[in-house]
C-alpha atoms as a PDB file:
ATOM      1  CA  UNK A   1      11.490  13.696  -6.194  1.00  0.00           C
ATOM      2  CA  UNK A   2      14.945  12.930  -4.833  1.00  0.00           C
ATOM      3  CA  UNK A   3      16.052   9.473  -3.710  1.00  0.00           C
ATOM      4  CA  UNK A   4      17.946   9.217  -0.406  1.00  0.00           C
ATOM      5  CA  UNK A   5      21.616   9.111  -1.373  1.00  0.00           C
ATOM      6  CA  UNK A   6      22.428   6.047   0.708  1.00  0.00           C
ATOM      7  CA  UNK A   7      19.298   4.029  -0.112  1.00  0.00           C
ATOM      8  CA  UNK A   8      19.966   0.529  -1.453  1.00  0.00           C
ATOM      9  CA  UNK A   9      16.879  -0.362  -3.484  1.00  0.00           C
ATOM     10  CA  UNK A  10      16.093  -3.544  -5.404  1.00  0.00           C
ATOM     11  CA  UNK A  11      13.358  -4.428  -7.858  1.00  0.00           C
ATOM     12  CA  UNK A  12      12.261  -7.539  -9.726  1.00  0.00           C
ATOM     13  CA  UNK A  13      13.543  -7.567 -13.299  1.00  0.00           C
ATOM     14  CA  UNK A  14      10.179  -8.194 -14.965  1.00  0.00           C
ATOM     15  CA  UNK A  15       7.953  -6.077 -17.174  1.00  0.00           C
ATOM     16  CA  UNK A  16       5.187  -6.187 -14.559  1.00  0.00           C
ATOM     17  CA  UNK A  17       7.270  -3.996 -12.226  1.00  0.00           C
ATOM     18  CA  UNK A  18       7.689  -1.160 -14.723  1.00  0.00           C
ATOM     19  CA  UNK A  19       4.788   1.021 -13.465  1.00  0.00           C
ATOM     20  CA  UNK A  20       6.175   0.877  -9.926  1.00  0.00           C
ATOM     21  CA  UNK A  21       9.827   1.669 -10.699  1.00  0.00           C
ATOM     22  CA  UNK A  22      10.015   3.702 -13.927  1.00  0.00           C
ATOM     23  CA  UNK A  23      11.545   7.096 -13.274  1.00  0.00           C
ATOM     24  CA  UNK A  24      13.102   6.312  -9.889  1.00  0.00           C
ATOM     25  CA  UNK A  25      15.870   8.907  -9.569  1.00  0.00           C
ATOM     26  CA  UNK A  26      18.355   6.721  -7.708  1.00  0.00           C
ATOM     27  CA  UNK A  27      20.263   3.512  -8.327  1.00  0.00           C
ATOM     28  CA  UNK A  28      18.202   0.321  -8.600  1.00  0.00           C
ATOM     29  CA  UNK A  29      19.473  -3.247  -8.328  1.00  0.00           C
ATOM     30  CA  UNK A  30      17.390  -5.420 -10.671  1.00  0.00           C
ATOM     31  CA  UNK A  31      17.338  -9.164 -10.047  1.00  0.00           C
ATOM     32  CA  UNK A  32      15.114 -12.220  -9.745  1.00  0.00           C
ATOM     33  CA  UNK A  33      12.700 -12.256  -6.781  1.00  0.00           C
ATOM     34  CA  UNK A  34      14.495 -15.003  -4.853  1.00  0.00           C
ATOM     35  CA  UNK A  35      17.859 -13.229  -5.182  1.00  0.00           C
ATOM     36  CA  UNK A  36      16.364  -9.950  -3.973  1.00  0.00           C
ATOM     37  CA  UNK A  37      14.778 -11.723  -1.001  1.00  0.00           C
ATOM     38  CA  UNK A  38      18.178 -13.088   0.014  1.00  0.00           C
ATOM     39  CA  UNK A  39      19.808  -9.671  -0.365  1.00  0.00           C
ATOM     40  CA  UNK A  40      17.076  -7.963   1.654  1.00  0.00           C
ATOM     41  CA  UNK A  41      17.325 -10.559   4.434  1.00  0.00           C
ATOM     42  CA  UNK A  42      21.130 -10.267   4.489  1.00  0.00           C
ATOM     43  CA  UNK A  43      21.016  -6.483   4.836  1.00  0.00           C
ATOM     44  CA  UNK A  44      22.490  -5.895   1.375  1.00  0.00           C
ATOM     45  CA  UNK A  45      19.341  -3.967   0.402  1.00  0.00           C
ATOM     46  CA  UNK A  46      17.210  -1.570   2.435  1.00  0.00           C
ATOM     47  CA  UNK A  47      14.061  -1.756   0.327  1.00  0.00           C
ATOM     48  CA  UNK A  48      12.955  -4.131  -2.413  1.00  0.00           C
ATOM     49  CA  UNK A  49       9.959  -5.020  -4.541  1.00  0.00           C
ATOM     50  CA  UNK A  50       9.849  -8.759  -3.867  1.00  0.00           C
ATOM     51  CA  UNK A  51       7.587 -11.799  -3.710  1.00  0.00           C
ATOM     52  CA  UNK A  52       4.749 -11.373  -1.230  1.00  0.00           C
ATOM     53  CA  UNK A  53       5.536 -14.752   0.370  1.00  0.00           C
ATOM     54  CA  UNK A  54       8.757 -13.226   1.709  1.00  0.00           C
ATOM     55  CA  UNK A  55       6.730 -11.239   4.234  1.00  0.00           C
ATOM     56  CA  UNK A  56       4.738 -14.317   5.263  1.00  0.00           C
ATOM     57  CA  UNK A  57       7.972 -16.223   5.836  1.00  0.00           C
ATOM     58  CA  UNK A  58       9.822 -13.323   7.509  1.00  0.00           C
ATOM     59  CA  UNK A  59       7.197 -10.949   8.949  1.00  0.00           C
ATOM     60  CA  UNK A  60       9.767  -8.415  10.125  1.00  0.00           C
ATOM     61  CA  UNK A  61       9.485  -6.033   7.190  1.00  0.00           C
ATOM     62  CA  UNK A  62       7.300  -2.975   6.812  1.00  0.00           C
ATOM     63  CA  UNK A  63       5.226  -2.847   3.641  1.00  0.00           C
ATOM     64  CA  UNK A  64       4.664   0.223   1.495  1.00  0.00           C
ATOM     65  CA  UNK A  65       0.916   0.799   1.514  1.00  0.00           C
ATOM     66  CA  UNK A  66      -1.318   1.155  -1.567  1.00  0.00           C
ATOM     67  CA  UNK A  67       1.135  -0.412  -4.052  1.00  0.00           C
ATOM     68  CA  UNK A  68       1.506  -4.017  -5.203  1.00  0.00           C
ATOM     69  CA  UNK A  69       1.819  -6.237  -8.223  1.00  0.00           C
ATOM     70  CA  UNK A  70      -1.491  -8.077  -8.118  1.00  0.00           C
ATOM     71  CA  UNK A  71      -4.265  -9.498 -10.265  1.00  0.00           C
ATOM     72  CA  UNK A  72      -8.020  -9.774  -9.950  1.00  0.00           C
ATOM     73  CA  UNK A  73      -8.493 -12.626 -12.380  1.00  0.00           C
ATOM     74  CA  UNK A  74      -6.246 -13.915 -15.175  1.00  0.00           C
ATOM     75  CA  UNK A  75      -2.725 -12.577 -14.675  1.00  0.00           C
ATOM     76  CA  UNK A  76      -1.382 -13.947 -17.998  1.00  0.00           C
ATOM     77  CA  UNK A  77       2.228 -14.190 -16.776  1.00  0.00           C
ATOM     78  CA  UNK A  78       2.010 -16.784 -13.973  1.00  0.00           C
ATOM     79  CA  UNK A  79       0.980 -20.064 -15.567  1.00  0.00           C
ATOM     80  CA  UNK A  80       1.205 -23.817 -15.200  1.00  0.00           C
ATOM     81  CA  UNK A  81       1.733 -25.377 -18.627  1.00  0.00           C
ATOM     82  CA  UNK A  82       0.566 -28.993 -18.877  1.00  0.00           C
ATOM     83  CA  UNK A  83      -0.336 -31.492 -21.587  1.00  0.00           C
ATOM     84  CA  UNK A  84      -2.840 -33.808 -19.923  1.00  0.00           C
ATOM     85  CA  UNK A  85      -5.459 -33.353 -17.197  1.00  0.00           C
ATOM     86  CA  UNK A  86      -4.194 -31.804 -13.962  1.00  0.00           C
ATOM     87  CA  UNK A  87      -5.117 -35.001 -12.142  1.00  0.00           C
ATOM     88  CA  UNK A  88      -2.480 -36.880 -14.166  1.00  0.00           C
ATOM     89  CA  UNK A  89       0.391 -34.649 -13.070  1.00  0.00           C
ATOM     90  CA  UNK A  90       3.087 -36.467 -11.138  1.00  0.00           C
ATOM     91  CA  UNK A  91       5.700 -33.703 -11.333  1.00  0.00           C
ATOM     92  CA  UNK A  92       5.827 -29.943 -11.827  1.00  0.00           C
ATOM     93  CA  UNK A  93       9.024 -28.235 -12.954  1.00  0.00           C
ATOM     94  CA  UNK A  94       9.159 -24.993 -10.998  1.00  0.00           C
ATOM     95  CA  UNK A  95      11.021 -21.755 -11.442  1.00  0.00           C
ATOM     96  CA  UNK A  96      12.725 -21.189  -8.074  1.00  0.00           C
ATOM     97  CA  UNK A  97      12.875 -17.445  -8.777  1.00  0.00           C
ATOM     98  CA  UNK A  98       9.510 -16.805  -7.082  1.00  0.00           C
ATOM     99  CA  UNK A  99       8.427 -18.633  -3.961  1.00  0.00           C
ATOM    100  CA  UNK A 100       5.095 -16.811  -4.070  1.00  0.00           C
ATOM    101  CA  UNK A 101       4.064 -18.443  -7.338  1.00  0.00           C
ATOM    102  CA  UNK A 102       5.401 -21.845  -6.276  1.00  0.00           C
ATOM    103  CA  UNK A 103       3.463 -21.746  -3.017  1.00  0.00           C
ATOM    104  CA  UNK A 104       0.346 -20.363  -4.678  1.00  0.00           C
ATOM    105  CA  UNK A 105       0.429 -23.350  -7.020  1.00  0.00           C
ATOM    106  CA  UNK A 106       0.891 -25.710  -4.068  1.00  0.00           C
ATOM    107  CA  UNK A 107      -2.203 -24.190  -2.441  1.00  0.00           C
ATOM    108  CA  UNK A 108      -4.336 -24.292  -5.592  1.00  0.00           C
ATOM    109  CA  UNK A 109      -3.436 -27.907  -6.335  1.00  0.00           C
ATOM    110  CA  UNK A 110      -3.663 -28.889  -2.670  1.00  0.00           C
ATOM    111  CA  UNK A 111      -7.223 -27.552  -2.496  1.00  0.00           C
ATOM    112  CA  UNK A 112      -8.018 -29.992  -5.328  1.00  0.00           C
ATOM    113  CA  UNK A 113      -6.379 -32.850  -3.450  1.00  0.00           C
ATOM    114  CA  UNK A 114      -3.420 -32.897  -5.848  1.00  0.00           C
ATOM    115  CA  UNK A 115       0.160 -33.132  -4.597  1.00  0.00           C
ATOM    116  CA  UNK A 116       2.598 -33.619  -7.488  1.00  0.00           C
ATOM    117  CA  UNK A 117       6.306 -33.522  -6.763  1.00  0.00           C
ATOM    118  CA  UNK A 118       7.950 -30.177  -7.491  1.00  0.00           C
ATOM    119  CA  UNK A 119      11.225 -30.663  -9.374  1.00  0.00           C
ATOM    120  CA  UNK A 120      13.966 -28.452 -10.804  1.00  0.00           C
ATOM    121  CA  UNK A 121      14.037 -29.675 -14.401  1.00  0.00           C
ATOM    122  CA  UNK A 122      12.368 -31.885 -16.968  1.00  0.00           C
ATOM    123  CA  UNK A 123      10.480 -31.694 -20.246  1.00  0.00           C
ATOM    124  CA  UNK A 124       6.734 -31.193 -20.525  1.00  0.00           C
ATOM    125  CA  UNK A 125       4.820 -34.456 -20.778  1.00  0.00           C
ATOM    126  CA  UNK A 126       1.423 -35.931 -19.952  1.00  0.00           C
ATOM    127  CA  UNK A 127       2.562 -36.374 -16.337  1.00  0.00           C
ATOM    128  CA  UNK A 128       4.911 -33.398 -15.967  1.00  0.00           C
ATOM    129  CA  UNK A 129       3.860 -29.752 -15.999  1.00  0.00           C
ATOM    130  CA  UNK A 130       5.926 -26.586 -15.846  1.00  0.00           C
ATOM    131  CA  UNK A 131       5.369 -23.420 -13.813  1.00  0.00           C
ATOM    132  CA  UNK A 132       6.428 -20.231 -15.582  1.00  0.00           C
ATOM    133  CA  UNK A 133       6.426 -16.679 -14.268  1.00  0.00           C
ATOM    134  CA  UNK A 134       7.085 -13.157 -15.461  1.00  0.00           C
ATOM    135  CA  UNK A 135       8.784 -12.504 -18.778  1.00  0.00           C
ATOM    136  CA  UNK A 136       9.588 -16.214 -19.151  1.00  0.00           C
ATOM    137  CA  UNK A 137       5.861 -16.982 -19.098  1.00  0.00           C
ATOM    138  CA  UNK A 138       5.192 -14.250 -21.657  1.00  0.00           C
ATOM    139  CA  UNK A 139       7.807 -15.710 -24.020  1.00  0.00           C
ATOM    140  CA  UNK A 140       6.387 -19.210 -23.542  1.00  0.00           C
ATOM    141  CA  UNK A 141       2.903 -17.995 -24.461  1.00  0.00           C
ATOM    142  CA  UNK A 142       4.261 -16.409 -27.609  1.00  0.00           C
ATOM    143  CA  UNK A 143       6.280 -19.427 -28.725  1.00  0.00           C
ATOM    144  CA  UNK A 144       4.606 -22.564 -27.352  1.00  0.00           C
ATOM    145  CA  UNK A 145       1.100 -21.784 -26.121  1.00  0.00           C
ATOM    146  CA  UNK A 146      -0.581 -23.825 -28.848  1.00  0.00           C
ATOM    147  CA  UNK A 147       1.243 -26.997 -27.783  1.00  0.00           C
ATOM    148  CA  UNK A 148      -0.264 -27.358 -24.299  1.00  0.00           C
ATOM    149  CA  UNK A 149      -2.935 -26.345 -21.802  1.00  0.00           C
ATOM    150  CA  UNK A 150      -2.444 -23.339 -19.541  1.00  0.00           C
ATOM    151  CA  UNK A 151      -3.582 -23.040 -15.918  1.00  0.00           C
ATOM    152  CA  UNK A 152      -3.515 -19.317 -15.067  1.00  0.00           C
ATOM    153  CA  UNK A 153      -2.813 -19.012 -11.338  1.00  0.00           C
ATOM    154  CA  UNK A 154      -4.413 -15.581 -11.025  1.00  0.00           C
ATOM    155  CA  UNK A 155      -7.623 -16.785 -12.660  1.00  0.00           C
ATOM    156  CA  UNK A 156      -7.754 -19.938 -10.545  1.00  0.00           C
ATOM    157  CA  UNK A 157      -7.178 -18.003  -7.299  1.00  0.00           C
ATOM    158  CA  UNK A 158      -9.983 -15.578  -8.176  1.00  0.00           C
ATOM    159  CA  UNK A 159     -12.277 -18.491  -9.019  1.00  0.00           C
ATOM    160  CA  UNK A 160     -11.464 -20.253  -5.736  1.00  0.00           C
ATOM    161  CA  UNK A 161     -11.579 -17.280  -3.347  1.00  0.00           C
ATOM    162  CA  UNK A 162     -13.317 -14.372  -5.062  1.00  0.00           C
ATOM    163  CA  UNK A 163     -10.377 -12.145  -4.075  1.00  0.00           C
ATOM    164  CA  UNK A 164      -7.419 -10.558  -5.855  1.00  0.00           C
ATOM    165  CA  UNK A 165      -4.010 -12.155  -5.481  1.00  0.00           C
ATOM    166  CA  UNK A 166      -0.947 -10.171  -4.421  1.00  0.00           C
ATOM    167  CA  UNK A 167       2.247 -11.357  -6.099  1.00  0.00           C
ATOM    168  CA  UNK A 168       4.755  -8.718  -4.979  1.00  0.00           C
ATOM    169  CA  UNK A 169       5.078  -5.873  -2.489  1.00  0.00           C
ATOM    170  CA  UNK A 170       7.568  -3.161  -1.606  1.00  0.00           C
ATOM    171  CA  UNK A 171       9.230  -4.259   1.655  1.00  0.00           C
ATOM    172  CA  UNK A 172      11.442  -2.185   3.943  1.00  0.00           C
ATOM    173  CA  UNK A 173      13.957  -3.617   6.388  1.00  0.00           C
ATOM    174  CA  UNK A 174      13.181  -3.052  10.083  1.00  0.00           C
ATOM    175  CA  UNK A 175      16.506  -1.274  10.652  1.00  0.00           C
ATOM    176  CA  UNK A 176      16.037   1.270   7.864  1.00  0.00           C
ATOM    177  CA  UNK A 177      15.362   4.618   9.534  1.00  0.00           C
ATOM    178  CA  UNK A 178      13.627   6.439   6.673  1.00  0.00           C
ATOM    179  CA  UNK A 179      10.638   4.121   6.261  1.00  0.00           C
ATOM    180  CA  UNK A 180       7.947   6.800   6.011  1.00  0.00           C
ATOM    181  CA  UNK A 181       9.958   8.924   3.583  1.00  0.00           C
ATOM    182  CA  UNK A 182      10.859   6.098   1.210  1.00  0.00           C
ATOM    183  CA  UNK A 183       7.313   4.749   1.393  1.00  0.00           C
ATOM    184  CA  UNK A 184       5.911   8.130   0.401  1.00  0.00           C
ATOM    185  CA  UNK A 185       8.446   8.495  -2.426  1.00  0.00           C
ATOM    186  CA  UNK A 186       7.694   5.057  -3.898  1.00  0.00           C
ATOM    187  CA  UNK A 187       3.955   5.623  -3.567  1.00  0.00           C
ATOM    188  CA  UNK A 188       4.209   8.984  -5.328  1.00  0.00           C
ATOM    189  CA  UNK A 189       6.284   7.462  -8.131  1.00  0.00           C
ATOM    190  CA  UNK A 190       3.958   4.508  -8.683  1.00  0.00           C
ATOM    191  CA  UNK A 191       0.771   6.536  -8.537  1.00  0.00           C
ATOM    192  CA  UNK A 192       2.182   9.097 -10.966  1.00  0.00           C
ATOM    193  CA  UNK A 193       3.182   6.369 -13.437  1.00  0.00           C
ATOM    194  CA  UNK A 194      -0.255   4.780 -13.184  1.00  0.00           C
ATOM    195  CA  UNK A 195      -1.973   8.138 -13.667  1.00  0.00           C
ATOM    196  CA  UNK A 196       0.020   8.615 -16.887  1.00  0.00           C
ATOM    197  CA  UNK A 197       0.062   5.041 -18.160  1.00  0.00           C
ATOM    198  CA  UNK A 198      -0.126   6.070 -21.823  1.00  0.00           C
ATOM    199  CA  UNK A 199       3.058   8.078 -21.381  1.00  0.00           C
ATOM    200  CA  UNK A 200       4.776   5.140 -19.680  1.00  0.00           C
ATOM    201  CA  UNK A 201       3.733   2.718 -22.426  1.00  0.00           C
ATOM    202  CA  UNK A 202       5.107   5.137 -25.029  1.00  0.00           C
ATOM    203  CA  UNK A 203       8.605   4.601 -23.571  1.00  0.00           C
ATOM    204  CA  UNK A 204       8.498   0.965 -24.718  1.00  0.00           C
ATOM    205  CA  UNK A 205       9.521  -0.304 -28.173  1.00  0.00           C
ATOM    206  CA  UNK A 206       6.739   0.320 -30.669  1.00  0.00           C
ATOM    207  CA  UNK A 207       6.151  -3.381 -31.295  1.00  0.00           C
ATOM    208  CA  UNK A 208       5.475  -3.961 -27.562  1.00  0.00           C
ATOM    209  CA  UNK A 209       3.137  -1.063 -26.856  1.00  0.00           C
ATOM    210  CA  UNK A 210      -0.139  -2.796 -27.683  1.00  0.00           C
ATOM    211  CA  UNK A 211       0.807  -5.729 -25.480  1.00  0.00           C
ATOM    212  CA  UNK A 212       1.897  -3.437 -22.614  1.00  0.00           C
ATOM    213  CA  UNK A 213      -1.438  -1.646 -22.814  1.00  0.00           C
ATOM    214  CA  UNK A 214      -3.290  -4.970 -22.553  1.00  0.00           C
ATOM    215  CA  UNK A 215      -0.995  -6.366 -19.842  1.00  0.00           C
ATOM    216  CA  UNK A 216      -0.949  -3.318 -17.573  1.00  0.00           C
ATOM    217  CA  UNK A 217      -4.643  -2.475 -17.937  1.00  0.00           C
ATOM    218  CA  UNK A 218      -6.342  -5.864 -18.302  1.00  0.00           C
ATOM    219  CA  UNK A 219      -4.130  -8.386 -16.485  1.00  0.00           C
ATOM    220  CA  UNK A 220      -2.465  -6.528 -13.626  1.00  0.00           C
ATOM    221  CA  UNK A 221      -3.549  -4.228 -10.855  1.00  0.00           C
ATOM    222  CA  UNK A 222      -1.085  -2.218  -8.852  1.00  0.00           C
ATOM    223  CA  UNK A 223      -3.033  -1.341  -5.716  1.00  0.00           C
ATOM    224  CA  UNK A 224      -2.728  -2.720  -2.194  1.00  0.00           C
ATOM    225  CA  UNK A 225      -6.126  -1.704  -0.888  1.00  0.00           C
ATOM    226  CA  UNK A 226      -8.681  -3.490   1.260  1.00  0.00           C
ATOM    227  CA  UNK A 227      -9.538  -6.164  -1.322  1.00  0.00           C
ATOM    228  CA  UNK A 228      -5.878  -6.961  -1.971  1.00  0.00           C
ATOM    229  CA  UNK A 229      -5.180  -7.101   1.761  1.00  0.00           C
ATOM    230  CA  UNK A 230      -8.054  -9.549   2.169  1.00  0.00           C
ATOM    231  CA  UNK A 231      -6.610 -11.710  -0.609  1.00  0.00           C
ATOM    232  CA  UNK A 232      -3.158 -11.546   0.976  1.00  0.00           C
ATOM    233  CA  UNK A 233      -4.603 -12.680   4.310  1.00  0.00           C
ATOM    234  CA  UNK A 234      -6.388 -15.586   2.592  1.00  0.00           C
ATOM    235  CA  UNK A 235      -3.106 -16.625   0.989  1.00  0.00           C
ATOM    236  CA  UNK A 236      -1.416 -16.600   4.405  1.00  0.00           C
ATOM    237  CA  UNK A 237      -4.193 -18.779   5.815  1.00  0.00           C
ATOM    238  CA  UNK A 238      -3.964 -21.259   2.943  1.00  0.00           C
ATOM    239  CA  UNK A 239      -0.174 -21.444   3.254  1.00  0.00           C
ATOM    240  CA  UNK A 240      -0.561 -22.312   6.936  1.00  0.00           C
ATOM    241  CA  UNK A 241      -3.296 -24.838   6.124  1.00  0.00           C
ATOM    242  CA  UNK A 242      -1.046 -26.603   3.612  1.00  0.00           C
ATOM    243  CA  UNK A 243       1.933 -26.494   6.013  1.00  0.00           C
ATOM    244  CA  UNK A 244       3.933 -24.038   3.946  1.00  0.00           C
ATOM    245  CA  UNK A 245       4.087 -21.785   7.018  1.00  0.00           C
ATOM    246  CA  UNK A 246       4.173 -22.750  10.709  1.00  0.00           C
ATOM    247  CA  UNK A 247       1.383 -20.250  11.454  1.00  0.00           C
ATOM    248  CA  UNK A 248      -0.417 -17.252   9.987  1.00  0.00           C
ATOM    249  CA  UNK A 249       1.862 -14.241  10.572  1.00  0.00           C
ATOM    250  CA  UNK A 250       0.624 -10.948  12.034  1.00  0.00           C
ATOM    251  CA  UNK A 251      -0.683  -8.209   9.773  1.00  0.00           C
ATOM    252  CA  UNK A 252       2.166  -6.084   8.393  1.00  0.00           C
ATOM    253  CA  UNK A 253       3.137  -2.610   9.504  1.00  0.00           C
ATOM    254  CA  UNK A 254       2.336  -0.233   6.646  1.00  0.00           C
ATOM    255  CA  UNK A 255       4.394   2.814   5.722  1.00  0.00           C
END
């Protein structure tokens, strides 16, 4: 596989993206989801693996079919840490790096009639929770899990809707001319990595391999099939219901 020489490609800098990007033969710009969304919108990137909410907010992108970062139950790495009952929360400290997780939490709490204020900083308390995502959530679980309660957003979405949740998708700018070719290349790469997951896990430090095996096989799914598309549509509808979007956007063009 050969990457187009001029392609500007970005990817989230989290462990959960590894099966979709490992072995890409070209240059990759790794960054936080929100930064990649800005770069994609500004035309600084042609293609990026970014938060799924970015499509709902700007439905101009094409989406690479059959690949996603998703979960069909507990996701382990997108969590709300809290000390007291959810009903006591007055504030939630959010990580602005992922609007998908922030808006998913707004929907899940809103469906329970809860509307705490989302703030940028503050310590955990009986009335203040903290949203953590990606590698930051994994570190928190390792270091502080015993000190609080954890609300797993993937598990709660599955419980509420019966559907998987799609956290991130490969998106291609509308002005990029090689959509079909780059879509096929990314799909081939991801599917090959997933078909040889043991080999991929073996590239990680020895002390992380058991966790990677659990995380990739038990917590995450990497498909964007009919069930994931249904879950993505439900998320769009809930975002519109809770006034996080002006309307439900059209279904994406797939490449």
